[in-house]
Amino acid sequence: MLSRTTQIAVGAVLLLVGSALILGVGLQQVELPGAVGGVAAMVMAVGTLLLGTSEGGRPV
């Protein structure tokens, strides 16, 4: 299992990359293929999951 600080760092990077991909393409008004949008959404979900479970105890 990842250490707490590594889990926070990886989660933050994944969340940032997924958000930047979706927002960057949206601001340029370029058509985003469904597969790319799906991957970006999954990357954001994994990043959020890592950040949410980085603390000890039971995640909400």
Protein backbone atom coordinates (compact mmCIF):
# COMPACT_ATOMS: atom_id res chain seq x y z
CA MET A 1 0.00 0.00 0.00
CA LEU A 2 1.13 3.55 -0.65
CA SER A 3 2.26 5.74 2.21
CA ARG A 4 -0.05 8.56 3.25
CA THR A 5 1.97 11.37 1.66
CA THR A 6 2.50 9.39 -1.54
CA GLN A 7 -1.21 8.64 -1.74
CA ILE A 8 -2.06 12.33 -1.32
CA ALA A 9 0.49 13.40 -3.93
CA VAL A 10 -0.57 10.80 -6.51
CA GLY A 11 -4.25 11.56 -5.92
CA ALA A 12 -3.71 15.29 -6.33
CA VAL A 13 -1.72 14.83 -9.53
CA LEU A 14 -4.35 12.51 -11.02
CA LEU A 15 -7.15 14.88 -10.09
CA LEU A 16 -5.24 17.82 -11.58
CA VAL A 17 -4.41 15.99 -14.82
CA GLY A 18 -7.98 14.80 -15.38
CA SER A 19 -9.42 18.23 -14.64
CA ALA A 20 -6.88 19.99 -16.84
CA LEU A 21 -7.64 17.66 -19.73
CA ILE A 22 -11.38 18.22 -19.58
CA LEU A 23 -11.23 21.96 -18.86
CA GLY A 24 -8.39 22.64 -21.31
CA VAL A 25 -10.20 20.98 -24.19
CA GLY A 26 -13.46 22.68 -23.21
CA LEU A 27 -11.92 26.13 -23.15
CA GLN A 28 -10.41 25.63 -26.59
CA GLN A 29 -13.85 24.59 -27.88
CA VAL A 30 -12.46 21.43 -29.43
CA GLU A 31 -14.61 18.33 -29.71
CA LEU A 32 -13.57 15.83 -27.01
CA PRO A 33 -13.85 12.19 -28.12
CA GLY A 34 -15.95 10.03 -25.81
CA ALA A 35 -13.09 7.68 -24.99
CA VAL A 36 -10.82 10.55 -23.94
CA GLY A 37 -13.54 12.09 -21.82
CA GLY A 38 -14.21 8.74 -20.18
CA VAL A 39 -10.54 8.21 -19.38
CA ALA A 40 -10.26 11.74 -17.98
CA ALA A 41 -13.32 11.16 -15.79
CA MET A 42 -11.88 7.86 -14.51
CA VAL A 43 -8.54 9.54 -13.74
CA MET A 44 -10.39 12.19 -11.75
CA ALA A 45 -12.39 9.51 -9.90
CA VAL A 46 -9.25 7.56 -8.96
CA GLY A 47 -7.54 10.75 -7.79
CA THR A 48 -10.54 11.65 -5.66
CA LEU A 49 -10.66 8.14 -4.22
CA LEU A 50 -6.97 8.26 -3.31
CA LEU A 51 -7.37 11.64 -1.63
CA GLY A 52 -10.50 10.56 0.21
CA THR A 53 -8.95 7.39 1.60
CA SER A 54 -5.58 8.91 2.53
CA GLU A 55 -6.64 9.59 6.11
CA GLY A 56 -6.81 6.80 8.63
CA GLY A 57 -10.14 5.40 9.67
CA ARG A 58 -13.25 4.70 7.72
CA PRO A 59 -13.84 6.74 4.55
CA VAL A 60 -17.25 8.35 4.24
